Amino acid sequence: MLIMLLFWQKDIFTFILVNDVKGHLTSIRIIFYKVHMANSTKFGTTVNWVIGILFTLIGLVNVFSGNDPEYGVFIILLSLVYYPPIQAFIHRLTGVGMTNGIKTILGLFILWASLGVGELITKIEQILQSM
C-alpha cells in the first residue's frame, strides 16, 4: 500500500511517500518543494481555499455515506486543484497555471455531479439522521 502525506508550511510543500507491503515498511521518500505563489491576491486566495475546503467536504460526505466511496475520492482529488499550494506546485511542474475559467467549469461540474447525480442532499440528511 502506498501512503502519501502532504504538508504545507510557509512556502515549503512537503510530500512524504511511504511504501508499505504486507505490513512491512519498504521505503520512505520525502520530497520538498519550495513554491512561490505569484500573481495572487488575498481575496482570490481566500476564495480558492474556501471552495477547495467546500469541495473536499463534499467528497468526504460521498466517501463515508452511500455506496460509492471511489466517487468521493474522485471529488476530493478534483478539489485539490483549488488549494493555492497545489496550484503553485502544478504550475511549477508543468509551467501552465489553472485559469479561472477552467476552475469555474470544474467547479460547476463538481456541483452538478454532487447535487444531481451524487444525491448530496439525501446523503447529508442520512448522516444527520444517524447522529
N, C-alpha and C. Protein backbone atom coordinates (compact mmCIF):
# COMPACT_ATOMS: atom_id res chain seq x y z
N MET A 1 0.85 -1.16 0.00
CA MET A 1 0.00 0.00 0.00
C MET A 1 0.90 1.23 0.00
N LEU A 2 0.57 2.17 -0.83
CA LEU A 2 1.32 3.42 -0.90
C LEU A 2 0.53 4.49 -0.15
N ILE A 3 1.17 5.12 0.80
CA ILE A 3 0.55 6.17 1.59
C ILE A 3 1.24 7.48 1.27
N MET A 4 0.47 8.52 0.98
CA MET A 4 1.06 9.81 0.66
C MET A 4 0.56 10.83 1.67
N LEU A 5 1.47 11.52 2.29
CA LEU A 5 1.14 12.58 3.23
C LEU A 5 1.60 13.91 2.64
N LEU A 6 0.80 14.93 2.80
CA LEU A 6 1.13 16.26 2.29
C LEU A 6 1.19 17.23 3.45
N PHE A 7 2.22 18.04 3.48
CA PHE A 7 2.35 19.07 4.50
C PHE A 7 2.67 20.39 3.82
N TRP A 8 2.13 21.46 4.37
CA TRP A 8 2.38 22.81 3.85
C TRP A 8 2.75 23.69 5.02
N GLN A 9 3.93 24.29 4.94
CA GLN A 9 4.35 25.22 5.98
C GLN A 9 5.07 26.37 5.31
N LYS A 10 4.54 27.56 5.51
CA LYS A 10 5.04 28.78 4.87
C LYS A 10 5.14 28.55 3.37
N ASP A 11 6.34 28.49 2.79
CA ASP A 11 6.45 28.31 1.35
C ASP A 11 7.11 26.98 0.98
N ILE A 12 7.09 26.04 1.90
CA ILE A 12 7.65 24.71 1.63
C ILE A 12 6.51 23.70 1.59
N PHE A 13 6.41 22.98 0.51
CA PHE A 13 5.39 21.96 0.30
C PHE A 13 6.10 20.62 0.39
N THR A 14 5.69 19.76 1.30
CA THR A 14 6.39 18.51 1.57
C THR A 14 5.49 17.32 1.25
N PHE A 15 6.00 16.41 0.44
CA PHE A 15 5.35 15.13 0.18
C PHE A 15 6.12 14.07 0.93
N ILE A 16 5.42 13.22 1.63
CA ILE A 16 6.06 12.06 2.23
C ILE A 16 5.36 10.83 1.66
N LEU A 17 6.10 10.04 0.91
CA LEU A 17 5.56 8.83 0.32
C LEU A 17 6.08 7.64 1.11
N VAL A 18 5.17 6.83 1.62
CA VAL A 18 5.54 5.66 2.41
C VAL A 18 5.02 4.43 1.68
N ASN A 19 5.90 3.51 1.37
CA ASN A 19 5.51 2.28 0.70
C ASN A 19 5.48 1.16 1.73
N ASP A 20 4.31 0.57 1.92
CA ASP A 20 4.12 -0.48 2.92
C ASP A 20 3.58 -1.72 2.21
N VAL A 21 4.36 -2.78 2.18
CA VAL A 21 3.95 -4.01 1.51
C VAL A 21 3.74 -5.10 2.56
N LYS A 22 2.51 -5.57 2.65
CA LYS A 22 2.15 -6.65 3.58
C LYS A 22 2.61 -6.39 5.01
N GLY A 23 2.44 -5.16 5.48
CA GLY A 23 2.80 -4.83 6.85
C GLY A 23 4.26 -4.54 7.07
N HIS A 24 5.07 -4.55 6.03
CA HIS A 24 6.49 -4.27 6.15
C HIS A 24 6.82 -2.95 5.44
N LEU A 25 7.43 -2.06 6.16
CA LEU A 25 7.83 -0.78 5.59
C LEU A 25 8.97 -1.01 4.61
N THR A 26 8.76 -0.68 3.35
CA THR A 26 9.79 -0.92 2.34
C THR A 26 10.57 0.33 1.96
N SER A 27 9.89 1.48 1.95
CA SER A 27 10.62 2.69 1.60
C SER A 27 9.87 3.93 2.08
N ILE A 28 10.64 4.96 2.35
CA ILE A 28 10.09 6.27 2.67
C ILE A 28 10.81 7.27 1.79
N ARG A 29 10.05 8.10 1.14
CA ARG A 29 10.64 9.13 0.29
C ARG A 29 10.06 10.47 0.68
N ILE A 30 10.91 11.41 0.97
CA ILE A 30 10.47 12.75 1.37
C ILE A 30 10.91 13.72 0.28
N ILE A 31 9.96 14.48 -0.22
CA ILE A 31 10.23 15.42 -1.30
C ILE A 31 9.83 16.81 -0.82
N PHE A 32 10.73 17.77 -0.92
CA PHE A 32 10.45 19.15 -0.54
C PHE A 32 10.37 20.00 -1.80
N TYR A 33 9.36 20.84 -1.88
CA TYR A 33 9.23 21.79 -2.97
C TYR A 33 9.06 23.18 -2.38
N LYS A 34 9.89 24.09 -2.83
CA LYS A 34 9.71 25.49 -2.44
C LYS A 34 8.82 26.11 -3.51
N VAL A 35 7.68 26.59 -3.07
CA VAL A 35 6.72 27.14 -4.01
C VAL A 35 6.56 28.63 -3.80
N HIS A 36 6.45 29.33 -4.88
CA HIS A 36 6.21 30.77 -4.83
C HIS A 36 4.89 31.02 -5.53
N MET A 37 3.92 31.54 -4.78
CA MET A 37 2.62 31.81 -5.35
C MET A 37 2.56 33.26 -5.83
N ALA A 38 2.87 33.43 -7.09
CA ALA A 38 2.90 34.77 -7.66
C ALA A 38 1.52 35.13 -8.22
N ASN A 39 1.31 36.40 -8.43
CA ASN A 39 0.09 36.92 -9.05
C ASN A 39 -1.18 36.47 -8.34
N SER A 40 -1.15 36.42 -7.03
CA SER A 40 -2.36 36.04 -6.30
C SER A 40 -2.73 37.15 -5.33
N THR A 41 -4.01 37.43 -5.27
CA THR A 41 -4.50 38.44 -4.33
C THR A 41 -5.02 37.72 -3.09
N LYS A 42 -5.15 38.47 -2.01
CA LYS A 42 -5.68 37.86 -0.79
C LYS A 42 -7.11 37.37 -1.00
N PHE A 43 -7.92 38.15 -1.72
CA PHE A 43 -9.30 37.76 -1.97
C PHE A 43 -9.36 36.49 -2.81
N GLY A 44 -8.60 36.45 -3.89
CA GLY A 44 -8.58 35.27 -4.76
C GLY A 44 -8.08 34.04 -4.04
N THR A 45 -7.04 34.21 -3.23
CA THR A 45 -6.51 33.08 -2.46
C THR A 45 -7.53 32.58 -1.46
N THR A 46 -8.22 33.50 -0.79
CA THR A 46 -9.25 33.11 0.19
C THR A 46 -10.39 32.38 -0.49
N VAL A 47 -10.83 32.87 -1.63
CA VAL A 47 -11.92 32.21 -2.37
C VAL A 47 -11.49 30.80 -2.77
N ASN A 48 -10.27 30.64 -3.26
CA ASN A 48 -9.78 29.32 -3.64
C ASN A 48 -9.74 28.37 -2.45
N TRP A 49 -9.27 28.84 -1.29
CA TRP A 49 -9.24 27.99 -0.10
C TRP A 49 -10.65 27.58 0.31
N VAL A 50 -11.59 28.52 0.31
CA VAL A 50 -12.97 28.22 0.73
C VAL A 50 -13.61 27.20 -0.23
N ILE A 51 -13.46 27.42 -1.52
CA ILE A 51 -14.03 26.49 -2.50
C ILE A 51 -13.36 25.12 -2.38
N GLY A 52 -12.04 25.10 -2.21
CA GLY A 52 -11.33 23.83 -2.05
C GLY A 52 -11.80 23.06 -0.83
N ILE A 53 -11.98 23.75 0.28
CA ILE A 53 -12.46 23.09 1.51
C ILE A 53 -13.89 22.61 1.32
N LEU A 54 -14.75 23.42 0.69
CA LEU A 54 -16.13 23.02 0.46
C LEU A 54 -16.20 21.75 -0.40
N PHE A 55 -15.44 21.72 -1.49
CA PHE A 55 -15.46 20.55 -2.37
C PHE A 55 -14.82 19.33 -1.70
N THR A 56 -13.83 19.55 -0.84
CA THR A 56 -13.25 18.44 -0.10
C THR A 56 -14.29 17.85 0.86
N LEU A 57 -15.06 18.72 1.52
CA LEU A 57 -16.12 18.24 2.41
C LEU A 57 -17.19 17.48 1.63
N ILE A 58 -17.53 17.95 0.44
CA ILE A 58 -18.49 17.22 -0.40
C ILE A 58 -17.93 15.83 -0.73
N GLY A 59 -16.65 15.77 -1.05
CA GLY A 59 -16.03 14.48 -1.32
C GLY A 59 -16.04 13.57 -0.11
N LEU A 60 -15.79 14.13 1.08
CA LEU A 60 -15.79 13.32 2.31
C LEU A 60 -17.19 12.77 2.60
N VAL A 61 -18.22 13.58 2.37
CA VAL A 61 -19.59 13.09 2.55
C VAL A 61 -19.84 11.90 1.64
N ASN A 62 -19.37 11.98 0.41
CA ASN A 62 -19.57 10.89 -0.54
C ASN A 62 -18.72 9.67 -0.20
N VAL A 63 -17.57 9.87 0.42
CA VAL A 63 -16.73 8.73 0.80
C VAL A 63 -17.40 7.94 1.92
N PHE A 64 -17.95 8.64 2.91
CA PHE A 64 -18.43 7.97 4.11
C PHE A 64 -19.92 7.67 4.12
N SER A 65 -20.64 8.02 3.08
CA SER A 65 -22.05 7.66 3.01
C SER A 65 -22.36 7.22 1.58
N GLY A 66 -23.34 6.38 1.46
CA GLY A 66 -23.69 5.88 0.15
C GLY A 66 -22.90 4.64 -0.21
N ASN A 67 -23.00 4.25 -1.44
CA ASN A 67 -22.37 3.01 -1.86
C ASN A 67 -21.23 3.20 -2.86
N ASP A 68 -20.71 4.42 -2.97
CA ASP A 68 -19.67 4.67 -3.97
C ASP A 68 -18.55 5.54 -3.38
N PRO A 69 -17.67 4.98 -2.54
CA PRO A 69 -16.61 5.79 -1.96
C PRO A 69 -15.57 6.25 -2.99
N GLU A 70 -15.44 5.51 -4.09
CA GLU A 70 -14.50 5.92 -5.13
C GLU A 70 -14.90 7.27 -5.74
N TYR A 71 -16.20 7.49 -5.86
CA TYR A 71 -16.70 8.77 -6.36
C TYR A 71 -16.27 9.90 -5.43
N GLY A 72 -16.37 9.68 -4.13
CA GLY A 72 -15.95 10.68 -3.15
C GLY A 72 -14.46 10.97 -3.25
N VAL A 73 -13.66 9.94 -3.43
CA VAL A 73 -12.22 10.13 -3.59
C VAL A 73 -11.94 10.94 -4.86
N PHE A 74 -12.69 10.65 -5.93
CA PHE A 74 -12.55 11.40 -7.18
C PHE A 74 -12.85 12.89 -6.97
N ILE A 75 -13.90 13.20 -6.22
CA ILE A 75 -14.25 14.59 -5.94
C ILE A 75 -13.16 15.25 -5.10
N ILE A 76 -12.62 14.52 -4.12
CA ILE A 76 -11.54 15.07 -3.30
C ILE A 76 -10.33 15.38 -4.16
N LEU A 77 -9.99 14.47 -5.07
CA LEU A 77 -8.85 14.72 -5.95
C LEU A 77 -9.08 15.94 -6.84
N LEU A 78 -10.31 16.10 -7.34
CA LEU A 78 -10.62 17.29 -8.15
C LEU A 78 -10.55 18.56 -7.31
N SER A 79 -10.94 18.47 -6.04
CA SER A 79 -10.94 19.65 -5.18
C SER A 79 -9.52 20.15 -4.88
N LEU A 80 -8.54 19.29 -5.02
CA LEU A 80 -7.16 19.70 -4.74
C LEU A 80 -6.70 20.82 -5.66
N VAL A 81 -7.31 20.93 -6.83
CA VAL A 81 -6.95 21.96 -7.80
C VAL A 81 -7.17 23.36 -7.22
N TYR A 82 -8.10 23.49 -6.27
CA TYR A 82 -8.44 24.81 -5.73
C TYR A 82 -7.50 25.27 -4.62
N TYR A 83 -6.70 24.40 -4.06
CA TYR A 83 -5.79 24.79 -2.99
C TYR A 83 -4.58 25.52 -3.58
N PRO A 84 -4.30 26.75 -3.13
CA PRO A 84 -3.19 27.52 -3.70
C PRO A 84 -1.83 26.80 -3.70
N PRO A 85 -1.45 26.07 -2.66
CA PRO A 85 -0.17 25.36 -2.75
C PRO A 85 -0.13 24.32 -3.86
N ILE A 86 -1.24 23.63 -4.07
CA ILE A 86 -1.31 22.64 -5.14
C ILE A 86 -1.27 23.34 -6.49
N GLN A 87 -1.95 24.47 -6.60
CA GLN A 87 -1.91 25.25 -7.84
C GLN A 87 -0.48 25.65 -8.18
N ALA A 88 0.25 26.14 -7.17
CA ALA A 88 1.64 26.55 -7.39
C ALA A 88 2.50 25.34 -7.75
N PHE A 89 2.25 24.21 -7.13
CA PHE A 89 3.00 23.00 -7.42
C PHE A 89 2.76 22.54 -8.86
N ILE A 90 1.49 22.54 -9.29
CA ILE A 90 1.16 22.16 -10.67
C ILE A 90 1.81 23.12 -11.65
N HIS A 91 1.78 24.40 -11.33
CA HIS A 91 2.40 25.40 -12.19
C HIS A 91 3.91 25.17 -12.29
N ARG A 92 4.51 24.81 -11.18
CA ARG A 92 5.96 24.57 -11.18
C ARG A 92 6.31 23.32 -11.99
N LEU A 93 5.49 22.29 -11.89
CA LEU A 93 5.77 21.05 -12.63
C LEU A 93 5.52 21.19 -14.12
N THR A 94 4.40 21.82 -14.49
CA THR A 94 4.01 21.85 -15.89
C THR A 94 4.33 23.16 -16.59
N GLY A 95 4.49 24.22 -15.82
CA GLY A 95 4.70 25.53 -16.42
C GLY A 95 3.41 26.20 -16.86
N VAL A 96 2.28 25.53 -16.62
CA VAL A 96 0.97 26.05 -17.01
C VAL A 96 0.12 26.20 -15.76
N GLY A 97 -0.49 27.35 -15.60
CA GLY A 97 -1.35 27.59 -14.45
C GLY A 97 -2.80 27.28 -14.76
N MET A 98 -3.58 27.12 -13.72
CA MET A 98 -5.01 26.89 -13.87
C MET A 98 -5.70 28.24 -13.99
N THR A 99 -6.38 28.47 -15.09
CA THR A 99 -7.08 29.73 -15.27
C THR A 99 -8.39 29.71 -14.48
N ASN A 100 -8.94 30.88 -14.24
CA ASN A 100 -10.21 30.97 -13.52
C ASN A 100 -11.34 30.32 -14.31
N GLY A 101 -11.27 30.37 -15.63
CA GLY A 101 -12.29 29.73 -16.46
C GLY A 101 -12.31 28.23 -16.29
N ILE A 102 -11.13 27.62 -16.26
CA ILE A 102 -11.03 26.17 -16.07
C ILE A 102 -11.54 25.80 -14.68
N LYS A 103 -11.16 26.59 -13.67
CA LYS A 103 -11.61 26.30 -12.31
C LYS A 103 -13.12 26.48 -12.18
N THR A 104 -13.69 27.44 -12.89
CA THR A 104 -15.14 27.65 -12.87
C THR A 104 -15.87 26.47 -13.49
N ILE A 105 -15.40 26.02 -14.64
CA ILE A 105 -16.02 24.86 -15.31
C ILE A 105 -15.90 23.62 -14.44
N LEU A 106 -14.73 23.42 -13.83
CA LEU A 106 -14.53 22.28 -12.95
C LEU A 106 -15.46 22.36 -11.73
N GLY A 107 -15.60 23.56 -11.17
CA GLY A 107 -16.49 23.75 -10.02
C GLY A 107 -17.94 23.47 -10.36
N LEU A 108 -18.38 23.93 -11.54
CA LEU A 108 -19.75 23.65 -11.98
C LEU A 108 -19.96 22.15 -12.18
N PHE A 109 -18.95 21.47 -12.73
CA PHE A 109 -19.03 20.03 -12.89
C PHE A 109 -19.16 19.32 -11.54
N ILE A 110 -18.34 19.73 -10.57
CA ILE A 110 -18.40 19.11 -9.24
C ILE A 110 -19.76 19.35 -8.61
N LEU A 111 -20.28 20.57 -8.70
CA LEU A 111 -21.61 20.85 -8.13
C LEU A 111 -22.70 20.05 -8.82
N TRP A 112 -22.67 20.00 -10.15
CA TRP A 112 -23.66 19.23 -10.90
C TRP A 112 -23.59 17.75 -10.54
N ALA A 113 -22.37 17.21 -10.50
CA ALA A 113 -22.21 15.80 -10.20
C ALA A 113 -22.63 15.49 -8.77
N SER A 114 -22.35 16.37 -7.84
CA SER A 114 -22.66 16.11 -6.43
C SER A 114 -24.13 16.30 -6.12
N LEU A 115 -24.71 17.38 -6.62
CA LEU A 115 -26.10 17.68 -6.29
C LEU A 115 -27.08 16.85 -7.11
N GLY A 116 -26.75 16.63 -8.37
CA GLY A 116 -27.67 15.90 -9.24
C GLY A 116 -27.45 14.40 -9.19
N VAL A 117 -26.33 13.98 -9.69
CA VAL A 117 -26.04 12.56 -9.81
C VAL A 117 -25.68 11.95 -8.46
N GLY A 118 -24.89 12.67 -7.67
CA GLY A 118 -24.41 12.14 -6.40
C GLY A 118 -25.39 12.21 -5.25
N GLU A 119 -26.53 12.88 -5.45
CA GLU A 119 -27.57 13.00 -4.42
C GLU A 119 -27.00 13.48 -3.08
N LEU A 120 -26.29 14.58 -3.11
CA LEU A 120 -25.61 15.11 -1.92
C LEU A 120 -26.57 15.44 -0.80
N ILE A 121 -27.69 16.08 -1.12
CA ILE A 121 -28.65 16.49 -0.08
C ILE A 121 -29.19 15.26 0.66
N THR A 122 -29.50 14.20 -0.08
CA THR A 122 -30.00 12.97 0.55
C THR A 122 -28.96 12.36 1.47
N LYS A 123 -27.71 12.36 1.04
CA LYS A 123 -26.63 11.79 1.85
C LYS A 123 -26.40 12.61 3.13
N ILE A 124 -26.49 13.93 3.02
CA ILE A 124 -26.33 14.78 4.21
C ILE A 124 -27.47 14.51 5.19
N GLU A 125 -28.70 14.38 4.68
CA GLU A 125 -29.84 14.08 5.54
C GLU A 125 -29.65 12.72 6.24
N GLN A 126 -29.14 11.73 5.53
CA GLN A 126 -28.89 10.41 6.13
C GLN A 126 -27.86 10.51 7.24
N ILE A 127 -26.81 11.30 7.02
CA ILE A 127 -25.78 11.46 8.04
C ILE A 127 -26.36 12.15 9.27
N LEU A 128 -27.15 13.20 9.06
CA LEU A 128 -27.75 13.93 10.18
C LEU A 128 -28.73 13.06 10.97
N GLN A 129 -29.50 12.21 10.28
CA GLN A 129 -30.45 11.33 10.95
C GLN A 129 -29.74 10.26 11.76
N SER A 130 -28.57 9.83 11.31
CA SER A 130 -27.87 8.77 12.02
C SER A 130 -27.15 9.31 13.27
N MET A 131 -27.05 10.60 13.40
CA MET A 131 -26.37 11.18 14.57
C MET A 131 -27.29 11.24 15.74
